[in-house]
Amino acid sequence: MFFASVKKYLALGLLLCVLPSLSNAACGCFPPIDTTHCMDTSDYTWHAVGSTWRNSECMVCSCGLFELECCDGYATPRQFPDDCVSVFDSKACQYIVHKKDDPTVECPIYAAVGKV
């Protein structure tokens, strides 16, 4: 009886991990190493169950009892004027869209995917 309940919770956890990946954000789910902490697979730092953080790869991670989930913590511009370019700022964890010939002039973004 106990193992049947555990299987149901693991199946639910897997389903909940898959659902966010159906959106346009990039997400990954990993099994926890123990029942009290998760290890960030990018920074190799430990985080308590129930905590949320942003790692050095600009991923927003949350440590759950049954999983570690990390998703892109930024939006990726998809539509902007042709005379502009999209550049990722890894310190600010965001894309900046500016004129190709003048980086001081920002451009409008008409569509983006991911977390806004």
PDB file of N, CA and C in Angstrom:
ATOM      1  N   MET A   1       0.825  -1.191   0.000  1.00  0.00           N
ATOM      2  CA  MET A   1       0.000   0.000   0.000  1.00  0.00           C
ATOM      3  C   MET A   1       0.872   1.259   0.000  1.00  0.00           C
ATOM      4  N   PHE A   2       1.929   1.259   0.826  1.00  0.00           N
ATOM      5  CA  PHE A   2       2.806   2.426   0.910  1.00  0.00           C
ATOM      6  C   PHE A   2       3.477   2.707  -0.431  1.00  0.00           C
ATOM      7  N   PHE A   3       3.976   1.665  -1.097  1.00  0.00           N
ATOM      8  CA  PHE A   3       4.682   1.852  -2.363  1.00  0.00           C
ATOM      9  C   PHE A   3       3.750   2.325  -3.469  1.00  0.00           C
ATOM     10  N   ALA A   4       2.483   1.925  -3.413  1.00  0.00           N
ATOM     11  CA  ALA A   4       1.508   2.400  -4.394  1.00  0.00           C
ATOM     12  C   ALA A   4       1.318   3.908  -4.255  1.00  0.00           C
ATOM     13  N   SER A   5       1.265   4.399  -3.012  1.00  0.00           N
ATOM     14  CA  SER A   5       1.122   5.842  -2.786  1.00  0.00           C
ATOM     15  C   SER A   5       2.351   6.602  -3.257  1.00  0.00           C
ATOM     16  N   VAL A   6       3.532   6.053  -3.004  1.00  0.00           N
ATOM     17  CA  VAL A   6       4.778   6.698  -3.436  1.00  0.00           C
ATOM     18  C   VAL A   6       4.820   6.778  -4.956  1.00  0.00           C
ATOM     19  N   LYS A   7       4.403   5.708  -5.637  1.00  0.00           N
ATOM     20  CA  LYS A   7       4.401   5.702  -7.105  1.00  0.00           C
ATOM     21  C   LYS A   7       3.463   6.771  -7.649  1.00  0.00           C
ATOM     22  N   LYS A   8       2.306   6.950  -6.997  1.00  0.00           N
ATOM     23  CA  LYS A   8       1.365   7.979  -7.446  1.00  0.00           C
ATOM     24  C   LYS A   8       1.977   9.371  -7.312  1.00  0.00           C
ATOM     25  N   TYR A   9       2.655   9.639  -6.185  1.00  0.00           N
ATOM     26  CA  TYR A   9       3.275  10.948  -5.984  1.00  0.00           C
ATOM     27  C   TYR A   9       4.429  11.177  -6.949  1.00  0.00           C
ATOM     28  N   LEU A  10       5.201  10.143  -7.223  1.00  0.00           N
ATOM     29  CA  LEU A  10       6.292  10.279  -8.186  1.00  0.00           C
ATOM     30  C   LEU A  10       5.746  10.527  -9.586  1.00  0.00           C
ATOM     31  N   ALA A  11       4.671   9.848  -9.948  1.00  0.00           N
ATOM     32  CA  ALA A  11       4.041  10.072 -11.254  1.00  0.00           C
ATOM     33  C   ALA A  11       3.496  11.494 -11.343  1.00  0.00           C
ATOM     34  N   LEU A  12       2.877  11.969 -10.277  1.00  0.00           N
ATOM     35  CA  LEU A  12       2.367  13.344 -10.251  1.00  0.00           C
ATOM     36  C   LEU A  12       3.509  14.345 -10.371  1.00  0.00           C
ATOM     37  N   GLY A  13       4.595  14.100  -9.648  1.00  0.00           N
ATOM     38  CA  GLY A  13       5.760  14.984  -9.731  1.00  0.00           C
ATOM     39  C   GLY A  13       6.331  15.023 -11.134  1.00  0.00           C
ATOM     40  N   LEU A  14       6.422  13.881 -11.784  1.00  0.00           N
ATOM     41  CA  LEU A  14       6.927  13.820 -13.157  1.00  0.00           C
ATOM     42  C   LEU A  14       6.003  14.581 -14.097  1.00  0.00           C
ATOM     43  N   LEU A  15       4.702  14.399 -13.925  1.00  0.00           N
ATOM     44  CA  LEU A  15       3.734  15.116 -14.749  1.00  0.00           C
ATOM     45  C   LEU A  15       3.875  16.625 -14.565  1.00  0.00           C
ATOM     46  N   LEU A  16       4.004  17.073 -13.326  1.00  0.00           N
ATOM     47  CA  LEU A  16       4.153  18.503 -13.062  1.00  0.00           C
ATOM     48  C   LEU A  16       5.453  19.047 -13.641  1.00  0.00           C
ATOM     49  N   CYS A  17       6.474  18.216 -13.728  1.00  0.00           N
ATOM     50  CA  CYS A  17       7.733  18.633 -14.347  1.00  0.00           C
ATOM     51  C   CYS A  17       7.582  18.780 -15.856  1.00  0.00           C
ATOM     52  N   VAL A  18       6.790  17.919 -16.458  1.00  0.00           N
ATOM     53  CA  VAL A  18       6.636  17.939 -17.911  1.00  0.00           C
ATOM     54  C   VAL A  18       5.773  19.110 -18.350  1.00  0.00           C
ATOM     55  N   LEU A  19       4.752  19.459 -17.585  1.00  0.00           N
ATOM     56  CA  LEU A  19       3.841  20.519 -17.984  1.00  0.00           C
ATOM     57  C   LEU A  19       4.526  21.856 -18.229  1.00  0.00           C
ATOM     58  N   PRO A  20       5.433  22.341 -17.353  1.00  0.00           N
ATOM     59  CA  PRO A  20       6.087  23.613 -17.654  1.00  0.00           C
ATOM     60  C   PRO A  20       6.893  23.566 -18.944  1.00  0.00           C
ATOM     61  N   SER A  21       7.431  22.402 -19.298  1.00  0.00           N
ATOM     62  CA  SER A  21       8.240  22.335 -20.509  1.00  0.00           C
ATOM     63  C   SER A  21       7.386  22.430 -21.766  1.00  0.00           C
ATOM     64  N   LEU A  22       6.056  22.315 -21.642  1.00  0.00           N
ATOM     65  CA  LEU A  22       5.184  22.491 -22.785  1.00  0.00           C
ATOM     66  C   LEU A  22       5.037  23.967 -23.138  1.00  0.00           C
ATOM     67  N   SER A  23       5.415  24.844 -22.245  1.00  0.00           N
ATOM     68  CA  SER A  23       5.419  26.264 -22.548  1.00  0.00           C
ATOM     69  C   SER A  23       6.700  26.575 -23.314  1.00  0.00           C
ATOM     70  N   ASN A  24       6.978  27.845 -23.546  1.00  0.00           N
ATOM     71  CA  ASN A  24       8.146  28.207 -24.328  1.00  0.00           C
ATOM     72  C   ASN A  24       9.401  28.403 -23.494  1.00  0.00           C
ATOM     73  N   ALA A  25       9.312  28.207 -22.208  1.00  0.00           N
ATOM     74  CA  ALA A  25      10.497  28.319 -21.364  1.00  0.00           C
ATOM     75  C   ALA A  25      11.228  26.986 -21.348  1.00  0.00           C
ATOM     76  N   ALA A  26      12.529  27.051 -21.237  1.00  0.00           N
ATOM     77  CA  ALA A  26      13.315  25.819 -21.153  1.00  0.00           C
ATOM     78  C   ALA A  26      13.433  25.425 -19.693  1.00  0.00           C
ATOM     79  N   CYS A  27      13.000  24.225 -19.377  1.00  0.00           N
ATOM     80  CA  CYS A  27      13.027  23.737 -18.003  1.00  0.00           C
ATOM     81  C   CYS A  27      13.665  22.362 -17.952  1.00  0.00           C
ATOM     82  N   GLY A  28      14.162  22.040 -16.797  1.00  0.00           N
ATOM     83  CA  GLY A  28      14.686  20.711 -16.561  1.00  0.00           C
ATOM     84  C   GLY A  28      14.344  20.275 -15.158  1.00  0.00           C
ATOM     85  N   CYS A  29      14.043  18.993 -15.008  1.00  0.00           N
ATOM     86  CA  CYS A  29      13.729  18.430 -13.695  1.00  0.00           C
ATOM     87  C   CYS A  29      14.745  17.354 -13.367  1.00  0.00           C
ATOM     88  N   PHE A  30      15.137  17.324 -12.117  1.00  0.00           N
ATOM     89  CA  PHE A  30      16.139  16.375 -11.664  1.00  0.00           C
ATOM     90  C   PHE A  30      15.674  15.779 -10.343  1.00  0.00           C
ATOM     91  N   PRO A  31      16.005  14.529 -10.085  1.00  0.00           N
ATOM     92  CA  PRO A  31      15.632  13.953  -8.790  1.00  0.00           C
ATOM     93  C   PRO A  31      16.469  14.572  -7.674  1.00  0.00           C
ATOM     94  N   PRO A  32      15.877  14.727  -6.482  1.00  0.00           N
ATOM     95  CA  PRO A  32      16.665  15.272  -5.364  1.00  0.00           C
ATOM     96  C   PRO A  32      17.692  14.245  -4.893  1.00  0.00           C
ATOM     97  N   ILE A  33      18.758  14.729  -4.297  1.00  0.00           N
ATOM     98  CA  ILE A  33      19.800  13.832  -3.798  1.00  0.00           C
ATOM     99  C   ILE A  33      19.401  13.266  -2.440  1.00  0.00           C
ATOM    100  N   ASP A  34      18.731  14.062  -1.619  1.00  0.00           N
ATOM    101  CA  ASP A  34      18.201  13.547  -0.354  1.00  0.00           C
ATOM    102  C   ASP A  34      16.870  14.237  -0.069  1.00  0.00           C
ATOM    103  N   THR A  35      16.281  13.985   1.064  1.00  0.00           N
ATOM    104  CA  THR A  35      14.947  14.508   1.362  1.00  0.00           C
ATOM    105  C   THR A  35      14.951  15.893   1.992  1.00  0.00           C
ATOM    106  N   THR A  36      16.121  16.463   2.242  1.00  0.00           N
ATOM    107  CA  THR A  36      16.164  17.784   2.877  1.00  0.00           C
ATOM    108  C   THR A  36      16.817  18.851   2.006  1.00  0.00           C
ATOM    109  N   HIS A  37      17.602  18.450   1.003  1.00  0.00           N
ATOM    110  CA  HIS A  37      18.327  19.424   0.172  1.00  0.00           C
ATOM    111  C   HIS A  37      18.408  18.962  -1.281  1.00  0.00           C
ATOM    112  N   CYS A  38      18.587  19.929  -2.175  1.00  0.00           N
ATOM    113  CA  CYS A  38      18.851  19.671  -3.596  1.00  0.00           C
ATOM    114  C   CYS A  38      20.201  20.299  -3.937  1.00  0.00           C
ATOM    115  N   MET A  39      20.891  19.716  -4.914  1.00  0.00           N
ATOM    116  CA  MET A  39      22.146  20.300  -5.367  1.00  0.00           C
ATOM    117  C   MET A  39      21.929  20.910  -6.751  1.00  0.00           C
ATOM    118  N   ASP A  40      22.259  22.191  -6.884  1.00  0.00           N
ATOM    119  CA  ASP A  40      22.192  22.873  -8.172  1.00  0.00           C
ATOM    120  C   ASP A  40      23.210  22.217  -9.095  1.00  0.00           C
ATOM    121  N   THR A  41      22.751  21.702 -10.237  1.00  0.00           N
ATOM    122  CA  THR A  41      23.627  20.962 -11.138  1.00  0.00           C
ATOM    123  C   THR A  41      24.545  21.872 -11.949  1.00  0.00           C
ATOM    124  N   SER A  42      24.334  23.174 -11.886  1.00  0.00           N
ATOM    125  CA  SER A  42      25.226  24.116 -12.573  1.00  0.00           C
ATOM    126  C   SER A  42      26.319  24.631 -11.650  1.00  0.00           C
ATOM    127  N   ASP A  43      25.914  25.060 -10.453  1.00  0.00           N
ATOM    128  CA  ASP A  43      26.851  25.681  -9.520  1.00  0.00           C
ATOM    129  C   ASP A  43      27.354  24.733  -8.436  1.00  0.00           C
ATOM    130  N   TYR A  44      26.739  23.557  -8.353  1.00  0.00           N
ATOM    131  CA  TYR A  44      27.091  22.571  -7.316  1.00  0.00           C
ATOM    132  C   TYR A  44      26.936  23.152  -5.911  1.00  0.00           C
ATOM    133  N   THR A  45      25.878  23.958  -5.725  1.00  0.00           N
ATOM    134  CA  THR A  45      25.556  24.507  -4.410  1.00  0.00           C
ATOM    135  C   THR A  45      24.337  23.765  -3.861  1.00  0.00           C
ATOM    136  N   TRP A  46      24.230  23.711  -2.540  1.00  0.00           N
ATOM    137  CA  TRP A  46      23.142  23.005  -1.877  1.00  0.00           C
ATOM    138  C   TRP A  46      22.061  23.988  -1.455  1.00  0.00           C
ATOM    139  N   HIS A  47      20.798  23.557  -1.591  1.00  0.00           N
ATOM    140  CA  HIS A  47      19.656  24.401  -1.241  1.00  0.00           C
ATOM    141  C   HIS A  47      18.611  23.555  -0.525  1.00  0.00           C
ATOM    142  N   ALA A  48      18.011  24.125   0.493  1.00  0.00           N
ATOM    143  CA  ALA A  48      17.016  23.403   1.295  1.00  0.00           C
ATOM    144  C   ALA A  48      15.722  23.202   0.513  1.00  0.00           C
ATOM    145  N   VAL A  49      15.014  22.108   0.814  1.00  0.00           N
ATOM    146  CA  VAL A  49      13.704  21.861   0.228  1.00  0.00           C
ATOM    147  C   VAL A  49      12.814  23.058   0.533  1.00  0.00           C
ATOM    148  N   GLY A  50      12.097  23.534  -0.477  1.00  0.00           N
ATOM    149  CA  GLY A  50      11.227  24.697  -0.329  1.00  0.00           C
ATOM    150  C   GLY A  50      11.868  26.003  -0.761  1.00  0.00           C
ATOM    151  N   SER A  51      13.164  25.985  -1.077  1.00  0.00           N
ATOM    152  CA  SER A  51      13.847  27.230  -1.461  1.00  0.00           C
ATOM    153  C   SER A  51      13.838  27.423  -2.978  1.00  0.00           C
ATOM    154  N   THR A  52      13.980  28.690  -3.377  1.00  0.00           N
ATOM    155  CA  THR A  52      14.050  29.089  -4.782  1.00  0.00           C
ATOM    156  C   THR A  52      15.236  30.029  -4.936  1.00  0.00           C
ATOM    157  N   TRP A  53      15.979  29.916  -6.064  1.00  0.00           N
ATOM    158  CA  TRP A  53      17.156  30.749  -6.289  1.00  0.00           C
ATOM    159  C   TRP A  53      17.426  30.876  -7.788  1.00  0.00           C
ATOM    160  N   ARG A  54      18.279  31.820  -8.143  1.00  0.00           N
ATOM    161  CA  ARG A  54      18.752  31.989  -9.524  1.00  0.00           C
ATOM    162  C   ARG A  54      20.221  31.585  -9.545  1.00  0.00           C
ATOM    163  N   ASN A  55      20.582  30.682 -10.457  1.00  0.00           N
ATOM    164  CA  ASN A  55      21.973  30.220 -10.510  1.00  0.00           C
ATOM    165  C   ASN A  55      22.795  31.031 -11.511  1.00  0.00           C
ATOM    166  N   SER A  56      24.047  30.674 -11.683  1.00  0.00           N
ATOM    167  CA  SER A  56      24.962  31.433 -12.532  1.00  0.00           C
ATOM    168  C   SER A  56      24.636  31.317 -14.020  1.00  0.00           C
ATOM    169  N   GLU A  57      23.771  30.387 -14.393  1.00  0.00           N
ATOM    170  CA  GLU A  57      23.349  30.260 -15.791  1.00  0.00           C
ATOM    171  C   GLU A  57      21.998  30.926 -16.036  1.00  0.00           C
ATOM    172  N   CYS A  58      21.590  31.798 -15.108  1.00  0.00           N
ATOM    173  CA  CYS A  58      20.340  32.560 -15.203  1.00  0.00           C
ATOM    174  C   CYS A  58      19.103  31.668 -15.187  1.00  0.00           C
ATOM    175  N   MET A  59      19.213  30.521 -14.548  1.00  0.00           N
ATOM    176  CA  MET A  59      18.077  29.620 -14.385  1.00  0.00           C
ATOM    177  C   MET A  59      17.465  29.878 -13.013  1.00  0.00           C
ATOM    178  N   VAL A  60      16.140  29.898 -12.952  1.00  0.00           N
ATOM    179  CA  VAL A  60      15.436  30.008 -11.687  1.00  0.00           C
ATOM    180  C   VAL A  60      15.108  28.590 -11.252  1.00  0.00           C
ATOM    181  N   CYS A  61      15.618  28.207 -10.097  1.00  0.00           N
ATOM    182  CA  CYS A  61      15.481  26.833  -9.614  1.00  0.00           C
ATOM    183  C   CYS A  61      14.656  26.793  -8.339  1.00  0.00           C
ATOM    184  N   SER A  62      13.964  25.693  -8.162  1.00  0.00           N
ATOM    185  CA  SER A  62      13.248  25.475  -6.908  1.00  0.00           C
ATOM    186  C   SER A  62      13.453  24.026  -6.483  1.00  0.00           C
ATOM    187  N   CYS A  63      13.675  23.870  -5.199  1.00  0.00           N
ATOM    188  CA  CYS A  63      13.941  22.561  -4.616  1.00  0.00           C
ATOM    189  C   CYS A  63      12.676  22.052  -3.952  1.00  0.00           C
ATOM    190  N   GLY A  64      12.151  20.964  -4.488  1.00  0.00           N
ATOM    191  CA  GLY A  64      10.973  20.345  -3.902  1.00  0.00           C
ATOM    192  C   GLY A  64      11.336  19.018  -3.259  1.00  0.00           C
ATOM    193  N   LEU A  65      10.402  18.455  -2.546  1.00  0.00           N
ATOM    194  CA  LEU A  65      10.638  17.192  -1.860  1.00  0.00           C
ATOM    195  C   LEU A  65      10.927  16.060  -2.848  1.00  0.00           C
ATOM    196  N   PHE A  66      10.306  16.124  -4.037  1.00  0.00           N
ATOM    197  CA  PHE A  66      10.456  15.051  -5.010  1.00  0.00           C
ATOM    198  C   PHE A  66      11.245  15.441  -6.247  1.00  0.00           C
ATOM    199  N   GLU A  67      11.653  16.719  -6.367  1.00  0.00           N
ATOM    200  CA  GLU A  67      12.354  17.132  -7.582  1.00  0.00           C
ATOM    201  C   GLU A  67      13.068  18.467  -7.404  1.00  0.00           C
ATOM    202  N   LEU A  68      14.064  18.656  -8.226  1.00  0.00           N
ATOM    203  CA  LEU A  68      14.716  19.955  -8.410  1.00  0.00           C
ATOM    204  C   LEU A  68      14.304  20.405  -9.792  1.00  0.00           C
ATOM    205  N   GLU A  69      13.674  21.577  -9.892  1.00  0.00           N
ATOM    206  CA  GLU A  69      13.252  22.097 -11.185  1.00  0.00           C
ATOM    207  C   GLU A  69      13.976  23.406 -11.458  1.00  0.00           C
ATOM    208  N   CYS A  70      14.568  23.514 -12.651  1.00  0.00           N
ATOM    209  CA  CYS A  70      15.236  24.745 -13.069  1.00  0.00           C
ATOM    210  C   CYS A  70      14.695  25.150 -14.434  1.00  0.00           C
ATOM    211  N   CYS A  71      14.314  26.414 -14.561  1.00  0.00           N
ATOM    212  CA  CYS A  71      13.769  26.953 -15.813  1.00  0.00           C
ATOM    213  C   CYS A  71      14.503  28.249 -16.162  1.00  0.00           C
ATOM    214  N   ASP A  72      14.516  28.553 -17.458  1.00  0.00           N
ATOM    215  CA  ASP A  72      15.083  29.831 -17.877  1.00  0.00           C
ATOM    216  C   ASP A  72      14.427  30.950 -17.088  1.00  0.00           C
ATOM    217  N   GLY A  73      15.228  31.873 -16.589  1.00  0.00           N
ATOM    218  CA  GLY A  73      14.709  32.996 -15.814  1.00  0.00           C
ATOM    219  C   GLY A  73      14.660  34.267 -16.632  1.00  0.00           C
ATOM    220  N   TYR A  74      14.496  34.141 -17.934  1.00  0.00           N
ATOM    221  CA  TYR A  74      14.500  35.308 -18.811  1.00  0.00           C
ATOM    222  C   TYR A  74      13.651  35.023 -20.045  1.00  0.00           C
ATOM    223  N   ALA A  75      13.254  36.083 -20.732  1.00  0.00           N
ATOM    224  CA  ALA A  75      12.507  35.967 -21.983  1.00  0.00           C
ATOM    225  C   ALA A  75      13.482  36.103 -23.157  1.00  0.00           C
ATOM    226  N   THR A  76      13.224  35.356 -24.218  1.00  0.00           N
ATOM    227  CA  THR A  76      14.052  35.423 -25.423  1.00  0.00           C
ATOM    228  C   THR A  76      13.268  36.146 -26.511  1.00  0.00           C
ATOM    229  N   PRO A  77      13.743  37.301 -26.971  1.00  0.00           N
ATOM    230  CA  PRO A  77      13.033  38.051 -28.013  1.00  0.00           C
ATOM    231  C   PRO A  77      12.967  37.253 -29.316  1.00  0.00           C
ATOM    232  N   ARG A  78      11.782  37.240 -29.939  1.00  0.00           N
ATOM    233  CA  ARG A  78      11.598  36.521 -31.206  1.00  0.00           C
ATOM    234  C   ARG A  78      11.268  37.454 -32.358  1.00  0.00           C
ATOM    235  N   GLN A  79      10.618  38.573 -32.056  1.00  0.00           N
ATOM    236  CA  GLN A  79      10.263  39.513 -33.112  1.00  0.00           C
ATOM    237  C   GLN A  79      10.661  40.916 -32.700  1.00  0.00           C
ATOM    238  N   PHE A  80      11.463  41.539 -33.561  1.00  0.00           N
ATOM    239  CA  PHE A  80      11.899  42.917 -33.359  1.00  0.00           C
ATOM    240  C   PHE A  80      12.317  43.444 -34.728  1.00  0.00           C
ATOM    241  N   PRO A  81      12.506  44.750 -34.892  1.00  0.00           N
ATOM    242  CA  PRO A  81      12.835  45.307 -36.205  1.00  0.00           C
ATOM    243  C   PRO A  81      14.097  44.672 -36.817  1.00  0.00           C
ATOM    244  N   ASP A  82      14.120  44.589 -38.141  1.00  0.00           N
ATOM    245  CA  ASP A  82      15.233  43.963 -38.872  1.00  0.00           C
ATOM    246  C   ASP A  82      16.563  44.682 -38.692  1.00  0.00           C
ATOM    247  N   ASP A  83      16.519  45.973 -38.381  1.00  0.00           N
ATOM    248  CA  ASP A  83      17.772  46.719 -38.222  1.00  0.00           C
ATOM    249  C   ASP A  83      18.296  46.661 -36.783  1.00  0.00           C
ATOM    250  N   CYS A  84      17.766  45.693 -36.002  1.00  0.00           N
ATOM    251  CA  CYS A  84      18.169  45.536 -34.607  1.00  0.00           C
ATOM    252  C   CYS A  84      18.762  44.149 -34.379  1.00  0.00           C
ATOM    253  N   VAL A  85      19.447  44.013 -33.265  1.00  0.00           N
ATOM    254  CA  VAL A  85      20.078  42.753 -32.893  1.00  0.00           C
ATOM    255  C   VAL A  85      19.775  42.467 -31.421  1.00  0.00           C
ATOM    256  N   SER A  86      19.669  41.181 -31.100  1.00  0.00           N
ATOM    257  CA  SER A  86      19.398  40.748 -29.733  1.00  0.00           C
ATOM    258  C   SER A  86      20.693  40.228 -29.116  1.00  0.00           C
ATOM    259  N   VAL A  87      21.064  40.765 -27.943  1.00  0.00           N
ATOM    260  CA  VAL A  87      22.306  40.378 -27.267  1.00  0.00           C
ATOM    261  C   VAL A  87      21.975  39.994 -25.825  1.00  0.00           C
ATOM    262  N   PHE A  88      22.501  38.850 -25.372  1.00  0.00           N
ATOM    263  CA  PHE A  88      22.221  38.400 -24.012  1.00  0.00           C
ATOM    264  C   PHE A  88      23.224  39.006 -23.045  1.00  0.00           C
ATOM    265  N   ASP A  89      22.709  39.632 -21.980  1.00  0.00           N
ATOM    266  CA  ASP A  89      23.531  40.186 -20.904  1.00  0.00           C
ATOM    267  C   ASP A  89      23.506  39.175 -19.758  1.00  0.00           C
ATOM    268  N   SER A  90      24.584  38.410 -19.604  1.00  0.00           N
ATOM    269  CA  SER A  90      24.608  37.336 -18.606  1.00  0.00           C
ATOM    270  C   SER A  90      24.679  37.855 -17.169  1.00  0.00           C
ATOM    271  N   LYS A  91      25.084  39.087 -16.973  1.00  0.00           N
ATOM    272  CA  LYS A  91      25.097  39.643 -15.607  1.00  0.00           C
ATOM    273  C   LYS A  91      23.700  40.055 -15.178  1.00  0.00           C
ATOM    274  N   ALA A  92      22.930  40.621 -16.103  1.00  0.00           N
ATOM    275  CA  ALA A  92      21.560  41.045 -15.800  1.00  0.00           C
ATOM    276  C   ALA A  92      20.548  39.933 -16.067  1.00  0.00           C
ATOM    277  N   CYS A  93      20.988  38.848 -16.706  1.00  0.00           N
ATOM    278  CA  CYS A  93      20.110  37.720 -17.062  1.00  0.00           C
ATOM    279  C   CYS A  93      18.940  38.184 -17.931  1.00  0.00           C
ATOM    280  N   GLN A  94      19.256  38.951 -18.956  1.00  0.00           N
ATOM    281  CA  GLN A  94      18.211  39.405 -19.876  1.00  0.00           C
ATOM    282  C   GLN A  94      18.798  39.704 -21.252  1.00  0.00           C
ATOM    283  N   TYR A  95      17.921  39.636 -22.258  1.00  0.00           N
ATOM    284  CA  TYR A  95      18.312  40.030 -23.606  1.00  0.00           C
ATOM    285  C   TYR A  95      18.083  41.518 -23.761  1.00  0.00           C
ATOM    286  N   ILE A  96      18.994  42.170 -24.461  1.00  0.00           N
ATOM    287  CA  ILE A  96      18.859  43.575 -24.792  1.00  0.00           C
ATOM    288  C   ILE A  96      18.815  43.659 -26.311  1.00  0.00           C
ATOM    289  N   VAL A  97      17.803  44.324 -26.820  1.00  0.00           N
ATOM    290  CA  VAL A  97      17.653  44.482 -28.267  1.00  0.00           C
ATOM    291  C   VAL A  97      17.977  45.930 -28.596  1.00  0.00           C
ATOM    292  N   HIS A  98      18.979  46.102 -29.480  1.00  0.00           N
ATOM    293  CA  HIS A  98      19.395  47.460 -29.847  1.00  0.00           C
ATOM    294  C   HIS A  98      19.696  47.525 -31.337  1.00  0.00           C
ATOM    295  N   LYS A  99      19.840  48.765 -31.826  1.00  0.00           N
ATOM    296  CA  LYS A  99      20.167  48.974 -33.240  1.00  0.00           C
ATOM    297  C   LYS A  99      21.511  48.313 -33.560  1.00  0.00           C
ATOM    298  N   LYS A 100      21.607  47.696 -34.730  1.00  0.00           N
ATOM    299  CA  LYS A 100      22.846  47.029 -35.136  1.00  0.00           C
ATOM    300  C   LYS A 100      24.007  48.016 -35.237  1.00  0.00           C
ATOM    301  N   ASP A 101      23.707  49.223 -35.717  1.00  0.00           N
ATOM    302  CA  ASP A 101      24.774  50.203 -35.925  1.00  0.00           C
ATOM    303  C   ASP A 101      24.955  51.175 -34.763  1.00  0.00           C
ATOM    304  N   ASP A 102      24.083  51.073 -33.737  1.00  0.00           N
ATOM    305  CA  ASP A 102      24.199  51.971 -32.582  1.00  0.00           C
ATOM    306  C   ASP A 102      23.671  51.280 -31.322  1.00  0.00           C
ATOM    307  N   PRO A 103      24.546  50.647 -30.542  1.00  0.00           N
ATOM    308  CA  PRO A 103      24.119  49.912 -29.348  1.00  0.00           C
ATOM    309  C   PRO A 103      23.469  50.771 -28.260  1.00  0.00           C
ATOM    310  N   THR A 104      23.549  52.081 -28.376  1.00  0.00           N
ATOM    311  CA  THR A 104      22.927  52.940 -27.365  1.00  0.00           C
ATOM    312  C   THR A 104      21.433  53.141 -27.614  1.00  0.00           C
ATOM    313  N   VAL A 105      20.951  52.751 -28.797  1.00  0.00           N
ATOM    314  CA  VAL A 105      19.532  52.919 -29.136  1.00  0.00           C
ATOM    315  C   VAL A 105      18.827  51.569 -29.010  1.00  0.00           C
ATOM    316  N   GLU A 106      17.941  51.465 -28.017  1.00  0.00           N
ATOM    317  CA  GLU A 106      17.187  50.225 -27.831  1.00  0.00           C
ATOM    318  C   GLU A 106      16.033  50.137 -28.817  1.00  0.00           C
ATOM    319  N   CYS A 107      15.648  48.903 -29.136  1.00  0.00           N
ATOM    320  CA  CYS A 107      14.575  48.647 -30.097  1.00  0.00           C
ATOM    321  C   CYS A 107      13.373  48.027 -29.388  1.00  0.00           C
ATOM    322  N   PRO A 108      12.192  48.179 -29.983  1.00  0.00           N
ATOM    323  CA  PRO A 108      11.009  47.542 -29.404  1.00  0.00           C
ATOM    324  C   PRO A 108      11.033  46.029 -29.650  1.00  0.00           C
ATOM    325  N   ILE A 109      10.463  45.305 -28.728  1.00  0.00           N
ATOM    326  CA  ILE A 109      10.325  43.851 -28.872  1.00  0.00           C
ATOM    327  C   ILE A 109       8.836  43.573 -29.065  1.00  0.00           C
ATOM    328  N   TYR A 110       8.488  42.923 -30.172  1.00  0.00           N
ATOM    329  CA  TYR A 110       7.092  42.648 -30.478  1.00  0.00           C
ATOM    330  C   TYR A 110       6.612  41.302 -29.947  1.00  0.00           C
ATOM    331  N   ALA A 111       7.535  40.351 -29.799  1.00  0.00           N
ATOM    332  CA  ALA A 111       7.173  39.022 -29.269  1.00  0.00           C
ATOM    333  C   ALA A 111       8.402  38.393 -28.635  1.00  0.00           C
ATOM    334  N   ALA A 112       8.157  37.657 -27.574  1.00  0.00           N
ATOM    335  CA  ALA A 112       9.229  36.962 -26.872  1.00  0.00           C
ATOM    336  C   ALA A 112       8.665  35.669 -26.297  1.00  0.00           C
ATOM    337  N   VAL A 113       9.564  34.706 -26.035  1.00  0.00           N
ATOM    338  CA  VAL A 113       9.145  33.461 -25.413  1.00  0.00           C
ATOM    339  C   VAL A 113       9.910  33.296 -24.106  1.00  0.00           C
ATOM    340  N   GLY A 114       9.302  32.593 -23.190  1.00  0.00           N
ATOM    341  CA  GLY A 114       9.953  32.361 -21.901  1.00  0.00           C
ATOM    342  C   GLY A 114       9.381  33.252 -20.834  1.00  0.00           C
ATOM    343  N   LYS A 115      10.116  33.352 -19.763  1.00  0.00           N
ATOM    344  CA  LYS A 115       9.681  34.126 -18.607  1.00  0.00           C
ATOM    345  C   LYS A 115       9.861  35.617 -18.862  1.00  0.00           C
ATOM    346  N   VAL A 116       8.848  36.381 -18.585  1.00  0.00           N
ATOM    347  CA  VAL A 116       8.910  37.827 -18.792  1.00  0.00           C
ATOM    348  C   VAL A 116       9.025  38.527 -17.465  1.00  0.00           C
TER     349      VAL A 116
END
